[in-house]
PDB file of all heavy atoms in Angstrom:
ATOM      1  N   GLY A   1      11.041  16.411 -15.968  1.00  0.00           N
ATOM      2  CA  GLY A   1      11.909  15.752 -14.996  1.00  0.00           C
ATOM      3  C   GLY A   1      11.646  14.264 -14.971  1.00  0.00           C
ATOM      4  O   GLY A   1      10.879  13.731 -15.771  1.00  0.00           O
ATOM      5  N   SER A   2      12.272  13.607 -14.050  1.00  0.00           N
ATOM      6  CA  SER A   2      12.072  12.167 -13.914  1.00  0.00           C
ATOM      7  C   SER A   2      10.677  11.895 -13.360  1.00  0.00           C
ATOM      8  O   SER A   2       9.996  12.788 -12.862  1.00  0.00           O
ATOM      9  CB  SER A   2      13.132  11.586 -12.985  1.00  0.00           C
ATOM     10  OG  SER A   2      13.064  12.199 -11.708  1.00  0.00           O
ATOM     11  N   THR A   3      10.277  10.658 -13.450  1.00  0.00           N
ATOM     12  CA  THR A   3       8.959  10.224 -12.975  1.00  0.00           C
ATOM     13  C   THR A   3       9.137   9.147 -11.913  1.00  0.00           C
ATOM     14  O   THR A   3       9.985   8.269 -12.052  1.00  0.00           O
ATOM     15  CB  THR A   3       8.114   9.678 -14.132  1.00  0.00           C
ATOM     16  OG1 THR A   3       7.909  10.717 -15.098  1.00  0.00           O
ATOM     17  CG2 THR A   3       6.752   9.203 -13.643  1.00  0.00           C
ATOM     18  N   VAL A   4       8.356   9.235 -10.853  1.00  0.00           N
ATOM     19  CA  VAL A   4       8.378   8.206  -9.817  1.00  0.00           C
ATOM     20  C   VAL A   4       7.026   7.504  -9.789  1.00  0.00           C
ATOM     21  O   VAL A   4       5.987   8.131 -10.000  1.00  0.00           O
ATOM     22  CB  VAL A   4       8.702   8.800  -8.429  1.00  0.00           C
ATOM     23  CG1 VAL A   4      10.115   9.335  -8.385  1.00  0.00           C
ATOM     24  CG2 VAL A   4       7.718   9.901  -8.044  1.00  0.00           C
ATOM     25  N   ARG A   5       7.079   6.223  -9.549  1.00  0.00           N
ATOM     26  CA  ARG A   5       5.837   5.444  -9.462  1.00  0.00           C
ATOM     27  C   ARG A   5       5.490   5.274  -7.990  1.00  0.00           C
ATOM     28  O   ARG A   5       6.256   4.713  -7.206  1.00  0.00           O
ATOM     29  CB  ARG A   5       6.003   4.090 -10.134  1.00  0.00           C
ATOM     30  CG  ARG A   5       4.781   3.192 -10.015  1.00  0.00           C
ATOM     31  CD  ARG A   5       4.820   2.060 -11.011  1.00  0.00           C
ATOM     32  NE  ARG A   5       4.586   2.560 -12.377  1.00  0.00           N
ATOM     33  CZ  ARG A   5       4.492   1.762 -13.442  1.00  0.00           C
ATOM     34  NH1 ARG A   5       4.619   0.447 -13.303  1.00  0.00           N
ATOM     35  NH2 ARG A   5       4.276   2.280 -14.627  1.00  0.00           N
ATOM     36  N   VAL A   6       4.301   5.795  -7.627  1.00  0.00           N
ATOM     37  CA  VAL A   6       3.868   5.816  -6.232  1.00  0.00           C
ATOM     38  C   VAL A   6       2.582   4.999  -6.088  1.00  0.00           C
ATOM     39  O   VAL A   6       1.656   5.134  -6.898  1.00  0.00           O
ATOM     40  CB  VAL A   6       3.625   7.261  -5.757  1.00  0.00           C
ATOM     41  CG1 VAL A   6       3.237   7.286  -4.281  1.00  0.00           C
ATOM     42  CG2 VAL A   6       4.866   8.122  -5.996  1.00  0.00           C
ATOM     43  N   ALA A   7       2.545   4.165  -5.063  1.00  0.00           N
ATOM     44  CA  ALA A   7       1.345   3.378  -4.762  1.00  0.00           C
ATOM     45  C   ALA A   7       0.675   3.938  -3.519  1.00  0.00           C
ATOM     46  O   ALA A   7       1.320   4.098  -2.479  1.00  0.00           O
ATOM     47  CB  ALA A   7       1.714   1.910  -4.546  1.00  0.00           C
ATOM     48  N   LEU A   8      -0.606   4.271  -3.628  1.00  0.00           N
ATOM     49  CA  LEU A   8      -1.394   4.800  -2.513  1.00  0.00           C
ATOM     50  C   LEU A   8      -2.315   3.691  -2.022  1.00  0.00           C
ATOM     51  O   LEU A   8      -3.206   3.243  -2.749  1.00  0.00           O
ATOM     52  CB  LEU A   8      -2.194   6.021  -2.973  1.00  0.00           C
ATOM     53  CG  LEU A   8      -1.396   7.097  -3.728  1.00  0.00           C
ATOM     54  CD1 LEU A   8      -2.309   8.240  -4.154  1.00  0.00           C
ATOM     55  CD2 LEU A   8      -0.248   7.609  -2.878  1.00  0.00           C
ATOM     56  N   VAL A   9      -2.085   3.232  -0.795  1.00  0.00           N
ATOM     57  CA  VAL A   9      -2.771   2.055  -0.263  1.00  0.00           C
ATOM     58  C   VAL A   9      -4.000   2.492   0.535  1.00  0.00           C
ATOM     59  O   VAL A   9      -3.892   3.205   1.531  1.00  0.00           O
ATOM     60  CB  VAL A   9      -1.823   1.229   0.630  1.00  0.00           C
ATOM     61  CG1 VAL A   9      -2.555   0.040   1.238  1.00  0.00           C
ATOM     62  CG2 VAL A   9      -0.616   0.762  -0.174  1.00  0.00           C
ATOM     63  N   GLN A  10      -5.174   2.062   0.094  1.00  0.00           N
ATOM     64  CA  GLN A  10      -6.445   2.461   0.691  1.00  0.00           C
ATOM     65  C   GLN A  10      -7.240   1.211   1.081  1.00  0.00           C
ATOM     66  O   GLN A  10      -8.054   0.720   0.319  1.00  0.00           O
ATOM     67  CB  GLN A  10      -7.224   3.320  -0.319  1.00  0.00           C
ATOM     68  CG  GLN A  10      -8.547   3.877   0.189  1.00  0.00           C
ATOM     69  CD  GLN A  10      -9.193   4.792  -0.840  1.00  0.00           C
ATOM     70  OE1 GLN A  10      -8.609   5.782  -1.254  1.00  0.00           O
ATOM     71  NE2 GLN A  10     -10.408   4.471  -1.267  1.00  0.00           N
ATOM     72  N   PRO A  11      -7.028   0.700   2.301  1.00  0.00           N
ATOM     73  CA  PRO A  11      -7.677  -0.559   2.687  1.00  0.00           C
ATOM     74  C   PRO A  11      -9.171  -0.425   2.964  1.00  0.00           C
ATOM     75  O   PRO A  11      -9.881  -1.434   2.990  1.00  0.00           O
ATOM     76  CB  PRO A  11      -6.916  -0.969   3.946  1.00  0.00           C
ATOM     77  CG  PRO A  11      -6.388   0.302   4.511  1.00  0.00           C
ATOM     78  CD  PRO A  11      -6.079   1.173   3.327  1.00  0.00           C
ATOM     79  N   GLY A  12      -9.653   0.784   3.242  1.00  0.00           N
ATOM     80  CA  GLY A  12     -11.073   0.961   3.523  1.00  0.00           C
ATOM     81  C   GLY A  12     -11.336   1.244   4.994  1.00  0.00           C
ATOM     82  O   GLY A  12     -10.412   1.426   5.793  1.00  0.00           O
ATOM     83  N   ASP A  13     -12.601   1.298   5.342  1.00  0.00           N
ATOM     84  CA  ASP A  13     -13.021   1.640   6.700  1.00  0.00           C
ATOM     85  C   ASP A  13     -12.940   0.399   7.587  1.00  0.00           C
ATOM     86  O   ASP A  13     -13.875  -0.400   7.644  1.00  0.00           O
ATOM     87  CB  ASP A  13     -14.450   2.196   6.664  1.00  0.00           C
ATOM     88  CG  ASP A  13     -14.918   2.680   8.020  1.00  0.00           C
ATOM     89  OD1 ASP A  13     -14.084   2.771   8.946  1.00  0.00           O
ATOM     90  OD2 ASP A  13     -16.128   2.984   8.161  1.00  0.00           O
ATOM     91  N   ILE A  14     -11.813   0.244   8.276  1.00  0.00           N
ATOM     92  CA  ILE A  14     -11.586  -0.897   9.167  1.00  0.00           C
ATOM     93  C   ILE A  14     -11.310  -0.348  10.554  1.00  0.00           C
ATOM     94  O   ILE A  14     -10.303   0.329  10.776  1.00  0.00           O
ATOM     95  CB  ILE A  14     -10.393  -1.753   8.685  1.00  0.00           C
ATOM     96  CG1 ILE A  14     -10.638  -2.233   7.244  1.00  0.00           C
ATOM     97  CG2 ILE A  14     -10.175  -2.938   9.613  1.00  0.00           C
ATOM     98  CD1 ILE A  14      -9.462  -2.954   6.628  1.00  0.00           C
ATOM     99  N   GLU A  15     -12.172  -0.633  11.502  1.00  0.00           N
ATOM    100  CA  GLU A  15     -12.075  -0.016  12.826  1.00  0.00           C
ATOM    101  C   GLU A  15     -10.938  -0.592  13.661  1.00  0.00           C
ATOM    102  O   GLU A  15     -10.203   0.140  14.330  1.00  0.00           O
ATOM    103  CB  GLU A  15     -13.404  -0.174  13.567  1.00  0.00           C
ATOM    104  CG  GLU A  15     -13.433   0.541  14.912  1.00  0.00           C
ATOM    105  CD  GLU A  15     -14.807   0.500  15.549  1.00  0.00           C
ATOM    106  OE1 GLU A  15     -15.765   0.068  14.881  1.00  0.00           O
ATOM    107  OE2 GLU A  15     -14.924   0.907  16.720  1.00  0.00           O
ATOM    108  N   ASP A  16     -10.752  -1.910  13.630  1.00  0.00           N
ATOM    109  CA  ASP A  16      -9.727  -2.546  14.447  1.00  0.00           C
ATOM    110  C   ASP A  16      -8.338  -2.241  13.892  1.00  0.00           C
ATOM    111  O   ASP A  16      -8.065  -2.473  12.701  1.00  0.00           O
ATOM    112  CB  ASP A  16      -9.957  -4.059  14.484  1.00  0.00           C
ATOM    113  CG  ASP A  16      -8.913  -4.769  15.330  1.00  0.00           C
ATOM    114  OD1 ASP A  16      -8.966  -4.638  16.561  1.00  0.00           O
ATOM    115  OD2 ASP A  16      -8.042  -5.443  14.736  1.00  0.00           O
ATOM    116  N   SER A  17      -7.441  -1.733  14.732  1.00  0.00           N
ATOM    117  CA  SER A  17      -6.116  -1.311  14.262  1.00  0.00           C
ATOM    118  C   SER A  17      -5.273  -2.479  13.769  1.00  0.00           C
ATOM    119  O   SER A  17      -4.497  -2.337  12.815  1.00  0.00           O
ATOM    120  CB  SER A  17      -5.377  -0.563  15.376  1.00  0.00           C
ATOM    121  OG  SER A  17      -5.159  -1.400  16.502  1.00  0.00           O
ATOM    122  N   VAL A  18      -5.399  -3.634  14.402  1.00  0.00           N
ATOM    123  CA  VAL A  18      -4.628  -4.801  13.977  1.00  0.00           C
ATOM    124  C   VAL A  18      -5.079  -5.265  12.595  1.00  0.00           C
ATOM    125  O   VAL A  18      -4.262  -5.525  11.696  1.00  0.00           O
ATOM    126  CB  VAL A  18      -4.762  -5.949  14.997  1.00  0.00           C
ATOM    127  CG1 VAL A  18      -4.056  -7.198  14.491  1.00  0.00           C
ATOM    128  CG2 VAL A  18      -4.194  -5.524  16.351  1.00  0.00           C
ATOM    129  N   ALA A  19      -6.392  -5.355  12.408  1.00  0.00           N
ATOM    130  CA  ALA A  19      -6.930  -5.758  11.105  1.00  0.00           C
ATOM    131  C   ALA A  19      -6.612  -4.716  10.039  1.00  0.00           C
ATOM    132  O   ALA A  19      -6.351  -5.057   8.876  1.00  0.00           O
ATOM    133  CB  ALA A  19      -8.440  -5.961  11.217  1.00  0.00           C
ATOM    134  N   ARG A  20      -6.620  -3.449  10.441  1.00  0.00           N
ATOM    135  CA  ARG A  20      -6.320  -2.362   9.511  1.00  0.00           C
ATOM    136  C   ARG A  20      -4.889  -2.483   8.976  1.00  0.00           C
ATOM    137  O   ARG A  20      -4.638  -2.390   7.781  1.00  0.00           O
ATOM    138  CB  ARG A  20      -6.512  -1.031  10.218  1.00  0.00           C
ATOM    139  CG  ARG A  20      -6.423   0.201   9.329  1.00  0.00           C
ATOM    140  CD  ARG A  20      -6.417   1.448  10.196  1.00  0.00           C
ATOM    141  NE  ARG A  20      -7.501   1.413  11.173  1.00  0.00           N
ATOM    142  CZ  ARG A  20      -7.395   1.873  12.410  1.00  0.00           C
ATOM    143  NH1 ARG A  20      -6.257   2.376  12.846  1.00  0.00           N
ATOM    144  NH2 ARG A  20      -8.431   1.819  13.237  1.00  0.00           N
ATOM    145  N   GLN A  21      -3.940  -2.706   9.902  1.00  0.00           N
ATOM    146  CA  GLN A  21      -2.549  -2.836   9.494  1.00  0.00           C
ATOM    147  C   GLN A  21      -2.344  -4.091   8.651  1.00  0.00           C
ATOM    148  O   GLN A  21      -1.602  -4.067   7.658  1.00  0.00           O
ATOM    149  CB  GLN A  21      -1.632  -2.877  10.715  1.00  0.00           C
ATOM    150  CG  GLN A  21      -0.155  -2.978  10.362  1.00  0.00           C
ATOM    151  CD  GLN A  21       0.754  -2.845  11.576  1.00  0.00           C
ATOM    152  OE1 GLN A  21       0.346  -2.303  12.600  1.00  0.00           O
ATOM    153  NE2 GLN A  21       1.980  -3.328  11.453  1.00  0.00           N
ATOM    154  N   ALA A  22      -3.011  -5.167   9.015  1.00  0.00           N
ATOM    155  CA  ALA A  22      -2.897  -6.406   8.257  1.00  0.00           C
ATOM    156  C   ALA A  22      -3.408  -6.213   6.824  1.00  0.00           C
ATOM    157  O   ALA A  22      -2.816  -6.728   5.858  1.00  0.00           O
ATOM    158  CB  ALA A  22      -3.668  -7.527   8.945  1.00  0.00           C
ATOM    159  N   ALA A  23      -4.498  -5.458   6.688  1.00  0.00           N
ATOM    160  CA  ALA A  23      -5.039  -5.189   5.352  1.00  0.00           C
ATOM    161  C   ALA A  23      -4.052  -4.371   4.528  1.00  0.00           C
ATOM    162  O   ALA A  23      -3.852  -4.632   3.326  1.00  0.00           O
ATOM    163  CB  ALA A  23      -6.374  -4.465   5.462  1.00  0.00           C
ATOM    164  N   GLY A  24      -3.420  -3.369   5.172  1.00  0.00           N
ATOM    165  CA  GLY A  24      -2.423  -2.571   4.470  1.00  0.00           C
ATOM    166  C   GLY A  24      -1.235  -3.403   4.032  1.00  0.00           C
ATOM    167  O   GLY A  24      -0.717  -3.243   2.916  1.00  0.00           O
ATOM    168  N   GLU A  25      -0.794  -4.314   4.886  1.00  0.00           N
ATOM    169  CA  GLU A  25       0.334  -5.178   4.545  1.00  0.00           C
ATOM    170  C   GLU A  25      -0.024  -6.114   3.387  1.00  0.00           C
ATOM    171  O   GLU A  25       0.790  -6.332   2.476  1.00  0.00           O
ATOM    172  CB  GLU A  25       0.761  -5.990   5.766  1.00  0.00           C
ATOM    173  CG  GLU A  25       1.389  -5.147   6.874  1.00  0.00           C
ATOM    174  CD  GLU A  25       1.743  -5.970   8.103  1.00  0.00           C
ATOM    175  OE1 GLU A  25       1.483  -7.190   8.085  1.00  0.00           O
ATOM    176  OE2 GLU A  25       2.272  -5.401   9.068  1.00  0.00           O
ATOM    177  N   ALA A  26      -1.238  -6.651   3.413  1.00  0.00           N
ATOM    178  CA  ALA A  26      -1.648  -7.584   2.359  1.00  0.00           C
ATOM    179  C   ALA A  26      -1.734  -6.874   1.004  1.00  0.00           C
ATOM    180  O   ALA A  26      -1.284  -7.414  -0.018  1.00  0.00           O
ATOM    181  CB  ALA A  26      -2.999  -8.210   2.713  1.00  0.00           C
ATOM    182  N   LEU A  27      -2.299  -5.681   0.995  1.00  0.00           N
ATOM    183  CA  LEU A  27      -2.394  -4.924  -0.255  1.00  0.00           C
ATOM    184  C   LEU A  27      -1.015  -4.544  -0.779  1.00  0.00           C
ATOM    185  O   LEU A  27      -0.759  -4.568  -1.984  1.00  0.00           O
ATOM    186  CB  LEU A  27      -3.237  -3.660  -0.043  1.00  0.00           C
ATOM    187  CG  LEU A  27      -4.733  -3.869   0.168  1.00  0.00           C
ATOM    188  CD1 LEU A  27      -5.396  -2.561   0.592  1.00  0.00           C
ATOM    189  CD2 LEU A  27      -5.381  -4.392  -1.114  1.00  0.00           C
ATOM    190  N   THR A  28      -0.111  -4.218   0.137  1.00  0.00           N
ATOM    191  CA  THR A  28       1.254  -3.849  -0.267  1.00  0.00           C
ATOM    192  C   THR A  28       2.005  -5.068  -0.788  1.00  0.00           C
ATOM    193  O   THR A  28       2.764  -4.973  -1.763  1.00  0.00           O
ATOM    194  CB  THR A  28       2.007  -3.219   0.920  1.00  0.00           C
ATOM    195  OG1 THR A  28       1.261  -2.097   1.406  1.00  0.00           O
ATOM    196  CG2 THR A  28       3.391  -2.754   0.498  1.00  0.00           C
ATOM    197  N   GLU A  29       1.802  -6.201  -0.154  1.00  0.00           N
ATOM    198  CA  GLU A  29       2.465  -7.440  -0.589  1.00  0.00           C
ATOM    199  C   GLU A  29       2.121  -7.756  -2.040  1.00  0.00           C
ATOM    200  O   GLU A  29       2.967  -8.266  -2.808  1.00  0.00           O
ATOM    201  CB  GLU A  29       2.035  -8.593   0.315  1.00  0.00           C
ATOM    202  CG  GLU A  29       2.892  -9.841   0.202  1.00  0.00           C
ATOM    203  CD  GLU A  29       4.234  -9.711   0.923  1.00  0.00           C
ATOM    204  OE1 GLU A  29       4.248  -9.347   2.118  1.00  0.00           O
ATOM    205  OE2 GLU A  29       5.263  -9.971   0.266  1.00  0.00           O
ATOM    206  N   ASP A  30       0.910  -7.448  -2.432  1.00  0.00           N
ATOM    207  CA  ASP A  30       0.471  -7.730  -3.805  1.00  0.00           C
ATOM    208  C   ASP A  30       1.129  -6.824  -4.839  1.00  0.00           C
ATOM    209  O   ASP A  30       0.934  -7.018  -6.044  1.00  0.00           O
ATOM    210  CB  ASP A  30      -1.053  -7.576  -3.914  1.00  0.00           C
ATOM    211  CG  ASP A  30      -1.799  -8.679  -3.172  1.00  0.00           C
ATOM    212  OD1 ASP A  30      -1.184  -9.739  -2.923  1.00  0.00           O
ATOM    213  OD2 ASP A  30      -2.979  -8.474  -2.839  1.00  0.00           O
ATOM    214  N   LEU A  31       1.905  -5.837  -4.389  1.00  0.00           N
ATOM    215  CA  LEU A  31       2.538  -4.892  -5.308  1.00  0.00           C
ATOM    216  C   LEU A  31       3.902  -5.355  -5.789  1.00  0.00           C
ATOM    217  O   LEU A  31       4.572  -4.646  -6.546  1.00  0.00           O
ATOM    218  CB  LEU A  31       2.687  -3.520  -4.625  1.00  0.00           C
ATOM    219  CG  LEU A  31       1.379  -2.795  -4.285  1.00  0.00           C
ATOM    220  CD1 LEU A  31       1.671  -1.564  -3.430  1.00  0.00           C
ATOM    221  CD2 LEU A  31       0.633  -2.399  -5.557  1.00  0.00           C
ATOM    222  N   ARG A  32       4.347  -6.516  -5.351  1.00  0.00           N
ATOM    223  CA  ARG A  32       5.653  -7.025  -5.772  1.00  0.00           C
ATOM    224  C   ARG A  32       5.705  -7.148  -7.300  1.00  0.00           C
ATOM    225  O   ARG A  32       4.765  -7.606  -7.931  1.00  0.00           O
ATOM    226  CB  ARG A  32       5.933  -8.374  -5.127  1.00  0.00           C
ATOM    227  CG  ARG A  32       6.267  -8.276  -3.644  1.00  0.00           C
ATOM    228  CD  ARG A  32       6.628  -9.622  -3.057  1.00  0.00           C
ATOM    229  NE  ARG A  32       5.490 -10.543  -3.066  1.00  0.00           N
ATOM    230  CZ  ARG A  32       5.561 -11.814  -2.685  1.00  0.00           C
ATOM    231  NH1 ARG A  32       6.721 -12.324  -2.285  1.00  0.00           N
ATOM    232  NH2 ARG A  32       4.491 -12.579  -2.712  1.00  0.00           N
ATOM    233  N   GLY A  33       6.824  -6.674  -7.855  1.00  0.00           N
ATOM    234  CA  GLY A  33       7.004  -6.745  -9.301  1.00  0.00           C
ATOM    235  C   GLY A  33       6.460  -5.549 -10.054  1.00  0.00           C
ATOM    236  O   GLY A  33       6.563  -5.515 -11.293  1.00  0.00           O
ATOM    237  N   ARG A  34       5.892  -4.548  -9.343  1.00  0.00           N
ATOM    238  CA  ARG A  34       5.306  -3.381 -10.023  1.00  0.00           C
ATOM    239  C   ARG A  34       6.328  -2.261 -10.259  1.00  0.00           C
ATOM    240  O   ARG A  34       5.978  -1.216 -10.781  1.00  0.00           O
ATOM    241  CB  ARG A  34       4.137  -2.837  -9.195  1.00  0.00           C
ATOM    242  CG  ARG A  34       2.975  -3.796  -9.001  1.00  0.00           C
ATOM    243  CD  ARG A  34       2.195  -4.006 -10.281  1.00  0.00           C
ATOM    244  NE  ARG A  34       1.548  -2.796 -10.721  1.00  0.00           N
ATOM    245  CZ  ARG A  34       0.323  -2.421 -10.333  1.00  0.00           C
ATOM    246  NH1 ARG A  34      -0.360  -3.170  -9.473  1.00  0.00           N
ATOM    247  NH2 ARG A  34      -0.212  -1.314 -10.803  1.00  0.00           N
ATOM    248  N   ARG A  35       7.584  -2.472  -9.867  1.00  0.00           N
ATOM    249  CA  ARG A  35       8.650  -1.493 -10.061  1.00  0.00           C
ATOM    250  C   ARG A  35       8.289  -0.130  -9.458  1.00  0.00           C
ATOM    251  O   ARG A  35       8.318   0.911 -10.117  1.00  0.00           O
ATOM    252  CB  ARG A  35       8.973  -1.333 -11.545  1.00  0.00           C
ATOM    253  CG  ARG A  35       9.521  -2.610 -12.185  1.00  0.00           C
ATOM    254  CD  ARG A  35       9.868  -2.401 -13.642  1.00  0.00           C
ATOM    255  NE  ARG A  35      10.397  -3.627 -14.232  1.00  0.00           N
ATOM    256  CZ  ARG A  35      10.757  -3.750 -15.513  1.00  0.00           C
ATOM    257  NH1 ARG A  35      10.642  -2.712 -16.327  1.00  0.00           N
ATOM    258  NH2 ARG A  35      11.229  -4.895 -15.952  1.00  0.00           N
ATOM    259  N   LEU A  36       7.973  -0.149  -8.195  1.00  0.00           N
ATOM    260  CA  LEU A  36       7.552   1.054  -7.483  1.00  0.00           C
ATOM    261  C   LEU A  36       8.747   1.795  -6.907  1.00  0.00           C
ATOM    262  O   LEU A  36       9.808   1.212  -6.652  1.00  0.00           O
ATOM    263  CB  LEU A  36       6.592   0.673  -6.352  1.00  0.00           C
ATOM    264  CG  LEU A  36       5.282   0.006  -6.759  1.00  0.00           C
ATOM    265  CD1 LEU A  36       4.576  -0.537  -5.532  1.00  0.00           C
ATOM    266  CD2 LEU A  36       4.382   0.992  -7.496  1.00  0.00           C
ATOM    267  N   ASP A  37       8.545   3.092  -6.688  1.00  0.00           N
ATOM    268  CA  ASP A  37       9.543   3.915  -6.017  1.00  0.00           C
ATOM    269  C   ASP A  37       9.130   4.265  -4.590  1.00  0.00           C
ATOM    270  O   ASP A  37       9.983   4.561  -3.752  1.00  0.00           O
ATOM    271  CB  ASP A  37       9.763   5.218  -6.800  1.00  0.00           C
ATOM    272  CG  ASP A  37      10.319   4.957  -8.187  1.00  0.00           C
ATOM    273  OD1 ASP A  37      11.501   4.589  -8.279  1.00  0.00           O
ATOM    274  OD2 ASP A  37       9.558   5.121  -9.168  1.00  0.00           O
ATOM    275  N   LEU A  38       7.818   4.247  -4.327  1.00  0.00           N
ATOM    276  CA  LEU A  38       7.324   4.643  -3.013  1.00  0.00           C
ATOM    277  C   LEU A  38       5.935   4.066  -2.791  1.00  0.00           C
ATOM    278  O   LEU A  38       5.125   3.996  -3.722  1.00  0.00           O
ATOM    279  CB  LEU A  38       7.261   6.177  -2.910  1.00  0.00           C
ATOM    280  CG  LEU A  38       6.926   6.776  -1.546  1.00  0.00           C
ATOM    281  CD1 LEU A  38       8.080   6.561  -0.562  1.00  0.00           C
ATOM    282  CD2 LEU A  38       6.645   8.277  -1.681  1.00  0.00           C
ATOM    283  N   VAL A  39       5.676   3.642  -1.548  1.00  0.00           N
ATOM    284  CA  VAL A  39       4.351   3.172  -1.148  1.00  0.00           C
ATOM    285  C   VAL A  39       3.898   4.035   0.028  1.00  0.00           C
ATOM    286  O   VAL A  39       4.641   4.196   1.000  1.00  0.00           O
ATOM    287  CB  VAL A  39       4.369   1.686  -0.730  1.00  0.00           C
ATOM    288  CG1 VAL A  39       2.982   1.249  -0.268  1.00  0.00           C
ATOM    289  CG2 VAL A  39       4.856   0.812  -1.879  1.00  0.00           C
ATOM    290  N   VAL A  40       2.687   4.597  -0.066  1.00  0.00           N
ATOM    291  CA  VAL A  40       2.180   5.488   0.977  1.00  0.00           C
ATOM    292  C   VAL A  40       0.909   4.910   1.578  1.00  0.00           C
ATOM    293  O   VAL A  40      -0.047   4.603   0.845  1.00  0.00           O
ATOM    294  CB  VAL A  40       1.900   6.898   0.419  1.00  0.00           C
ATOM    295  CG1 VAL A  40       1.453   7.834   1.544  1.00  0.00           C
ATOM    296  CG2 VAL A  40       3.133   7.465  -0.286  1.00  0.00           C
ATOM    297  N   TRP A  41       0.918   4.742   2.889  1.00  0.00           N
ATOM    298  CA  TRP A  41      -0.281   4.321   3.623  1.00  0.00           C
ATOM    299  C   TRP A  41      -0.983   5.552   4.194  1.00  0.00           C
ATOM    300  O   TRP A  41      -0.402   6.629   4.288  1.00  0.00           O
ATOM    301  CB  TRP A  41       0.097   3.381   4.762  1.00  0.00           C
ATOM    302  CG  TRP A  41       0.607   2.029   4.333  1.00  0.00           C
ATOM    303  CD1 TRP A  41       0.944   1.642   3.063  1.00  0.00           C
ATOM    304  CD2 TRP A  41       0.831   0.898   5.173  1.00  0.00           C
ATOM    305  NE1 TRP A  41       1.366   0.342   3.059  1.00  0.00           N
ATOM    306  CE2 TRP A  41       1.316  -0.160   4.353  1.00  0.00           C
ATOM    307  CE3 TRP A  41       0.687   0.666   6.532  1.00  0.00           C
ATOM    308  CZ2 TRP A  41       1.640  -1.413   4.846  1.00  0.00           C
ATOM    309  CZ3 TRP A  41       1.012  -0.603   7.037  1.00  0.00           C
ATOM    310  CH2 TRP A  41       1.472  -1.626   6.204  1.00  0.00           C
TER     311      TRP A  41
END
């Protein structure tokens, strides 16, 4: 069948929720140009 490119974002053990979300956003931002079909946090 077809293939989908999936990115699994693993920022690490970050206790503060605001910093945690910011880390996820920063890692995802770096994925521009990777021709992804789905990003999973």
